[in-house]
């Protein structure tokens, strides 16, 4: 699979709540995930709060996709039914042997601080 197929497959699966399909695109051997709220080396563990988060997501609007041979960056808006409203998000991926080995999720976490416990 191409970098685009792997990364978009992960992204699309995650936002439709299909954890198994998202995890299938992640390296089981060496993985790291970092966001303002979660740091994880577990290919499935970083998606542990996904169900709660998706309950407040109304739409995901992809703004930009940039793909290289072994890395990708997605920029998108997450439209939520929360006081946070629309969350501009950037996500950088590194791939090794056709699987995602690193994800860095970047967004302004300040609007989410008061809601974090309720979403989990």
N, C-alpha and C. Protein backbone atom coordinates (compact mmCIF):
# COMPACT_ATOMS: atom_id res chain seq x y z
N UNK A 1 0.85 -1.19 0.00
CA UNK A 1 0.00 0.00 0.00
C UNK A 1 0.89 1.25 0.00
N UNK A 2 0.39 2.29 -0.62
CA UNK A 2 1.12 3.56 -0.64
C UNK A 2 0.97 4.26 0.71
N UNK A 3 1.82 5.25 0.94
CA UNK A 3 1.72 6.06 2.16
C UNK A 3 0.32 6.65 2.28
N UNK A 4 -0.21 7.15 1.18
CA UNK A 4 -1.55 7.74 1.20
C UNK A 4 -2.60 6.71 1.60
N UNK A 5 -2.53 5.52 1.04
CA UNK A 5 -3.52 4.48 1.37
C UNK A 5 -3.46 4.10 2.85
N UNK A 6 -2.25 3.99 3.39
CA UNK A 6 -2.09 3.63 4.79
C UNK A 6 -2.63 4.73 5.70
N UNK A 7 -2.18 5.96 5.47
CA UNK A 7 -2.54 7.08 6.35
C UNK A 7 -4.02 7.43 6.22
N UNK A 8 -4.53 7.54 5.01
CA UNK A 8 -5.97 7.84 4.86
C UNK A 8 -6.82 6.69 5.37
N UNK A 9 -6.37 5.47 5.20
CA UNK A 9 -7.10 4.33 5.75
C UNK A 9 -7.19 4.41 7.25
N UNK A 10 -6.08 4.77 7.90
CA UNK A 10 -6.07 4.96 9.35
C UNK A 10 -7.01 6.09 9.76
N UNK A 11 -6.83 7.24 9.13
CA UNK A 11 -7.62 8.43 9.46
C UNK A 11 -9.12 8.17 9.29
N UNK A 12 -9.49 7.61 8.14
CA UNK A 12 -10.91 7.35 7.87
C UNK A 12 -11.48 6.32 8.84
N UNK A 13 -10.72 5.27 9.13
CA UNK A 13 -11.19 4.25 10.08
C UNK A 13 -11.36 4.84 11.47
N UNK A 14 -10.41 5.64 11.90
CA UNK A 14 -10.49 6.24 13.24
C UNK A 14 -11.74 7.11 13.37
N UNK A 15 -11.99 7.95 12.39
CA UNK A 15 -13.13 8.85 12.52
C UNK A 15 -14.48 8.21 12.24
N UNK A 16 -14.49 6.97 11.79
CA UNK A 16 -15.77 6.25 11.74
C UNK A 16 -15.88 5.27 12.92
N UNK A 17 -14.88 5.29 13.81
CA UNK A 17 -14.92 4.48 15.03
C UNK A 17 -14.49 3.05 14.86
N UNK A 18 -13.84 2.72 13.75
CA UNK A 18 -13.40 1.35 13.48
C UNK A 18 -11.96 1.18 13.99
N UNK A 19 -11.84 0.90 15.28
CA UNK A 19 -10.53 0.79 15.92
C UNK A 19 -9.71 -0.32 15.29
N UNK A 20 -10.31 -1.46 15.02
CA UNK A 20 -9.58 -2.60 14.44
C UNK A 20 -8.95 -2.23 13.10
N UNK A 21 -9.69 -1.54 12.25
CA UNK A 21 -9.16 -1.14 10.94
C UNK A 21 -8.05 -0.10 11.09
N UNK A 22 -8.19 0.80 12.05
CA UNK A 22 -7.15 1.80 12.29
C UNK A 22 -5.88 1.12 12.80
N UNK A 23 -6.02 0.24 13.77
CA UNK A 23 -4.87 -0.44 14.36
C UNK A 23 -4.17 -1.34 13.33
N UNK A 24 -4.89 -1.86 12.38
CA UNK A 24 -4.30 -2.72 11.35
C UNK A 24 -3.25 -1.97 10.52
N UNK A 25 -3.28 -0.65 10.52
CA UNK A 25 -2.34 0.15 9.74
C UNK A 25 -1.17 0.66 10.58
N UNK A 26 -1.13 0.24 11.85
CA UNK A 26 -0.12 0.70 12.80
C UNK A 26 0.88 -0.43 13.07
N UNK A 27 2.14 -0.07 13.21
CA UNK A 27 3.18 -1.05 13.50
C UNK A 27 3.01 -1.61 14.91
N UNK A 28 2.96 -2.92 15.02
CA UNK A 28 2.85 -3.57 16.33
C UNK A 28 4.21 -3.63 17.02
N UNK A 29 5.28 -3.54 16.26
CA UNK A 29 6.62 -3.70 16.81
C UNK A 29 7.17 -2.43 17.45
N UNK A 30 7.02 -1.32 16.78
CA UNK A 30 7.54 -0.06 17.32
C UNK A 30 6.56 1.05 16.97
N UNK A 31 5.90 1.56 17.98
CA UNK A 31 4.88 2.58 17.75
C UNK A 31 4.97 3.63 18.83
N UNK A 32 4.76 4.89 18.45
CA UNK A 32 4.63 5.94 19.45
C UNK A 32 3.59 6.95 18.97
N UNK A 33 2.79 7.39 19.93
CA UNK A 33 1.74 8.37 19.68
C UNK A 33 1.90 9.48 20.70
N UNK A 34 1.78 10.71 20.25
CA UNK A 34 1.86 11.86 21.17
C UNK A 34 0.84 12.90 20.76
N UNK A 35 0.07 13.35 21.75
CA UNK A 35 -0.88 14.45 21.56
C UNK A 35 -0.85 15.28 22.83
N UNK A 36 -1.57 16.39 22.86
CA UNK A 36 -1.60 17.18 24.09
C UNK A 36 -2.16 16.42 25.30
N UNK A 37 -2.97 15.37 25.06
CA UNK A 37 -3.57 14.63 26.17
C UNK A 37 -3.01 13.23 26.36
N UNK A 38 -2.49 12.61 25.32
CA UNK A 38 -2.12 11.20 25.39
C UNK A 38 -0.72 10.98 24.82
N UNK A 39 0.05 10.17 25.53
CA UNK A 39 1.31 9.64 25.02
C UNK A 39 1.20 8.14 25.17
N UNK A 40 1.47 7.40 24.09
CA UNK A 40 1.28 5.97 24.14
C UNK A 40 2.25 5.25 23.22
N UNK A 41 2.66 4.06 23.62
CA UNK A 41 3.44 3.17 22.77
C UNK A 41 2.61 1.96 22.38
N UNK A 42 1.35 1.96 22.75
CA UNK A 42 0.44 0.84 22.49
C UNK A 42 -0.36 1.13 21.22
N UNK A 43 -0.23 0.28 20.19
CA UNK A 43 -0.93 0.53 18.93
C UNK A 43 -2.45 0.70 19.07
N UNK A 44 -3.06 0.08 20.05
CA UNK A 44 -4.50 0.24 20.27
C UNK A 44 -4.79 1.21 21.41
N UNK A 45 -3.88 1.30 22.36
CA UNK A 45 -4.11 2.12 23.56
C UNK A 45 -4.34 3.59 23.29
N UNK A 46 -3.72 4.13 22.26
CA UNK A 46 -3.89 5.56 21.97
C UNK A 46 -5.31 5.85 21.47
N UNK A 47 -6.07 4.82 21.14
CA UNK A 47 -7.45 4.99 20.68
C UNK A 47 -8.47 4.67 21.77
N UNK A 48 -8.01 4.48 22.99
CA UNK A 48 -8.88 4.05 24.09
C UNK A 48 -10.07 4.99 24.32
N UNK A 49 -9.89 6.27 24.19
CA UNK A 49 -10.98 7.22 24.43
C UNK A 49 -11.75 7.61 23.18
N UNK A 50 -11.52 6.88 22.09
CA UNK A 50 -12.11 7.26 20.81
C UNK A 50 -13.63 7.29 20.83
N UNK A 51 -14.25 6.30 21.42
CA UNK A 51 -15.72 6.23 21.42
C UNK A 51 -16.33 7.47 22.06
N UNK A 52 -15.80 7.88 23.19
CA UNK A 52 -16.30 9.09 23.87
C UNK A 52 -16.08 10.34 23.04
N UNK A 53 -14.91 10.43 22.42
CA UNK A 53 -14.61 11.59 21.59
C UNK A 53 -15.54 11.67 20.38
N UNK A 54 -15.78 10.54 19.73
CA UNK A 54 -16.63 10.54 18.54
C UNK A 54 -18.08 10.91 18.84
N UNK A 55 -18.49 10.75 20.08
CA UNK A 55 -19.86 11.16 20.45
C UNK A 55 -20.06 12.66 20.30
N UNK A 56 -18.98 13.44 20.36
CA UNK A 56 -19.11 14.90 20.24
C UNK A 56 -18.67 15.43 18.88
N UNK A 57 -18.23 14.55 17.99
CA UNK A 57 -17.77 14.97 16.66
C UNK A 57 -18.95 14.96 15.69
N UNK A 58 -19.19 16.11 15.07
CA UNK A 58 -20.25 16.23 14.07
C UNK A 58 -19.73 16.00 12.66
N UNK A 59 -18.49 16.43 12.40
CA UNK A 59 -17.92 16.34 11.05
C UNK A 59 -16.41 16.50 11.13
N UNK A 60 -15.71 15.88 10.21
CA UNK A 60 -14.27 16.08 10.05
C UNK A 60 -14.06 16.59 8.63
N UNK A 61 -13.48 17.77 8.53
CA UNK A 61 -13.29 18.43 7.24
C UNK A 61 -11.79 18.47 6.91
N UNK A 62 -11.37 17.67 5.96
CA UNK A 62 -9.97 17.61 5.57
C UNK A 62 -9.61 18.85 4.78
N UNK A 63 -8.53 19.51 5.20
CA UNK A 63 -8.07 20.75 4.57
C UNK A 63 -6.89 20.49 3.64
N UNK A 64 -5.94 19.67 4.11
CA UNK A 64 -4.73 19.43 3.33
C UNK A 64 -4.17 18.05 3.62
N UNK A 65 -3.62 17.43 2.59
CA UNK A 65 -2.95 16.14 2.70
C UNK A 65 -1.60 16.28 2.02
N UNK A 66 -0.53 15.97 2.73
CA UNK A 66 0.82 16.01 2.18
C UNK A 66 1.45 14.65 2.39
N UNK A 67 1.94 14.04 1.31
CA UNK A 67 2.48 12.68 1.40
C UNK A 67 3.89 12.63 0.84
N UNK A 68 4.75 11.94 1.58
CA UNK A 68 6.09 11.62 1.12
C UNK A 68 6.23 10.10 1.07
N UNK A 69 7.43 9.64 0.84
CA UNK A 69 7.66 8.21 0.74
C UNK A 69 7.38 7.48 2.06
N UNK A 70 7.78 8.09 3.18
CA UNK A 70 7.60 7.43 4.47
C UNK A 70 7.05 8.37 5.54
N UNK A 71 6.38 9.42 5.12
CA UNK A 71 5.76 10.33 6.07
C UNK A 71 4.57 11.03 5.41
N UNK A 72 3.70 11.55 6.26
CA UNK A 72 2.52 12.27 5.77
C UNK A 72 2.07 13.26 6.82
N UNK A 73 1.41 14.31 6.37
CA UNK A 73 0.80 15.28 7.27
C UNK A 73 -0.61 15.56 6.78
N UNK A 74 -1.56 15.47 7.70
CA UNK A 74 -2.94 15.84 7.42
C UNK A 74 -3.28 17.06 8.26
N UNK A 75 -3.99 17.99 7.67
CA UNK A 75 -4.52 19.15 8.39
C UNK A 75 -6.02 19.10 8.19
N UNK A 76 -6.76 19.17 9.29
CA UNK A 76 -8.21 19.06 9.19
C UNK A 76 -8.89 19.78 10.35
N UNK A 77 -10.16 20.10 10.14
CA UNK A 77 -10.99 20.70 11.18
C UNK A 77 -11.93 19.63 11.71
N UNK A 78 -11.98 19.53 13.02
CA UNK A 78 -12.93 18.64 13.68
C UNK A 78 -14.06 19.52 14.20
N UNK A 79 -15.23 19.38 13.61
CA UNK A 79 -16.41 20.14 14.03
C UNK A 79 -17.06 19.37 15.17
N UNK A 80 -17.18 20.02 16.32
CA UNK A 80 -17.71 19.32 17.50
C UNK A 80 -18.97 19.98 18.02
N UNK A 81 -19.73 19.20 18.74
CA UNK A 81 -20.92 19.69 19.43
C UNK A 81 -20.53 19.97 20.88
N UNK A 82 -19.52 20.80 21.05
CA UNK A 82 -19.01 21.17 22.37
C UNK A 82 -18.71 22.66 22.37
N UNK A 83 -18.41 23.23 23.53
CA UNK A 83 -17.97 24.63 23.56
C UNK A 83 -16.68 24.88 22.78
N UNK A 84 -15.90 23.82 22.52
CA UNK A 84 -14.66 23.97 21.73
C UNK A 84 -14.97 24.32 20.28
N UNK A 85 -16.16 23.95 19.81
CA UNK A 85 -16.56 24.27 18.43
C UNK A 85 -15.73 23.52 17.41
N UNK A 86 -15.07 24.28 16.53
CA UNK A 86 -14.25 23.69 15.48
C UNK A 86 -12.80 23.66 15.95
N UNK A 87 -12.21 22.47 15.91
CA UNK A 87 -10.83 22.29 16.36
C UNK A 87 -9.93 22.08 15.16
N UNK A 88 -9.08 23.04 14.87
CA UNK A 88 -8.08 22.89 13.80
C UNK A 88 -7.03 21.92 14.30
N UNK A 89 -6.70 20.91 13.49
CA UNK A 89 -5.82 19.83 13.89
C UNK A 89 -4.80 19.53 12.80
N UNK A 90 -3.57 19.26 13.22
CA UNK A 90 -2.53 18.78 12.30
C UNK A 90 -2.04 17.45 12.85
N UNK A 91 -1.79 16.53 11.95
CA UNK A 91 -1.35 15.20 12.36
C UNK A 91 -0.22 14.76 11.44
N UNK A 92 0.92 14.43 12.05
CA UNK A 92 2.08 14.00 11.28
C UNK A 92 2.33 12.52 11.54
N UNK A 93 2.56 11.78 10.47
CA UNK A 93 2.77 10.34 10.52
C UNK A 93 4.14 9.99 9.95
N UNK A 94 4.78 9.02 10.56
CA UNK A 94 5.98 8.40 9.98
C UNK A 94 5.67 6.92 9.79
N UNK A 95 6.12 6.38 8.67
CA UNK A 95 5.88 4.98 8.35
C UNK A 95 7.20 4.22 8.24
N UNK A 96 7.13 2.94 8.59
CA UNK A 96 8.25 2.03 8.41
C UNK A 96 7.68 0.69 7.95
N UNK A 97 8.22 0.16 6.88
CA UNK A 97 7.77 -1.13 6.34
C UNK A 97 6.27 -1.15 6.07
N UNK A 98 5.73 -0.04 5.57
CA UNK A 98 4.33 0.03 5.19
C UNK A 98 3.33 0.18 6.32
N UNK A 99 3.83 0.44 7.54
CA UNK A 99 2.94 0.63 8.70
C UNK A 99 3.29 1.95 9.38
N UNK A 100 2.32 2.52 10.05
CA UNK A 100 2.53 3.77 10.80
C UNK A 100 3.30 3.43 12.07
N UNK A 101 4.44 4.10 12.27
CA UNK A 101 5.22 3.86 13.48
C UNK A 101 5.18 5.05 14.44
N UNK A 102 4.88 6.23 13.93
CA UNK A 102 4.83 7.42 14.79
C UNK A 102 3.67 8.32 14.34
N UNK A 103 2.92 8.79 15.32
CA UNK A 103 1.87 9.78 15.06
C UNK A 103 2.06 10.92 16.05
N UNK A 104 2.10 12.14 15.53
CA UNK A 104 2.14 13.33 16.37
C UNK A 104 0.89 14.14 16.03
N UNK A 105 0.00 14.27 17.00
CA UNK A 105 -1.26 14.98 16.84
C UNK A 105 -1.13 16.35 17.50
N UNK A 106 -1.39 17.41 16.75
CA UNK A 106 -1.17 18.77 17.23
C UNK A 106 -2.48 19.55 17.16
N UNK A 107 -2.88 20.11 18.30
CA UNK A 107 -4.04 20.98 18.35
C UNK A 107 -3.98 21.80 19.64
N UNK A 108 -4.75 22.87 19.69
CA UNK A 108 -4.83 23.70 20.89
C UNK A 108 -5.70 22.98 21.91
N UNK A 109 -5.11 22.50 22.98
CA UNK A 109 -5.83 21.71 23.98
C UNK A 109 -6.60 22.57 24.99
N UNK A 110 -6.34 23.87 25.03
CA UNK A 110 -6.97 24.72 26.05
C UNK A 110 -8.49 24.61 26.10
N UNK A 111 -9.21 24.66 24.97
CA UNK A 111 -10.66 24.57 25.05
C UNK A 111 -11.16 23.21 25.56
N UNK A 112 -10.32 22.20 25.49
CA UNK A 112 -10.72 20.85 25.87
C UNK A 112 -10.46 20.53 27.34
N UNK A 113 -9.65 21.31 28.02
CA UNK A 113 -9.28 21.02 29.41
C UNK A 113 -10.51 20.80 30.29
N UNK A 114 -11.51 21.69 30.28
CA UNK A 114 -12.66 21.49 31.17
C UNK A 114 -13.53 20.28 30.78
N UNK A 115 -13.44 19.83 29.54
CA UNK A 115 -14.30 18.74 29.07
C UNK A 115 -13.60 17.39 29.06
N UNK A 116 -12.32 17.34 29.25
CA UNK A 116 -11.53 16.11 29.06
C UNK A 116 -12.07 14.95 29.90
N UNK A 117 -12.38 15.18 31.14
CA UNK A 117 -12.88 14.09 31.99
C UNK A 117 -14.23 13.56 31.52
N UNK A 118 -15.08 14.41 31.04
CA UNK A 118 -16.42 14.00 30.59
C UNK A 118 -16.37 13.17 29.32
N UNK A 119 -15.40 13.43 28.47
CA UNK A 119 -15.30 12.73 27.19
C UNK A 119 -14.73 11.32 27.37
N UNK A 120 -13.84 11.15 28.34
CA UNK A 120 -13.18 9.85 28.55
C UNK A 120 -14.12 8.83 28.99
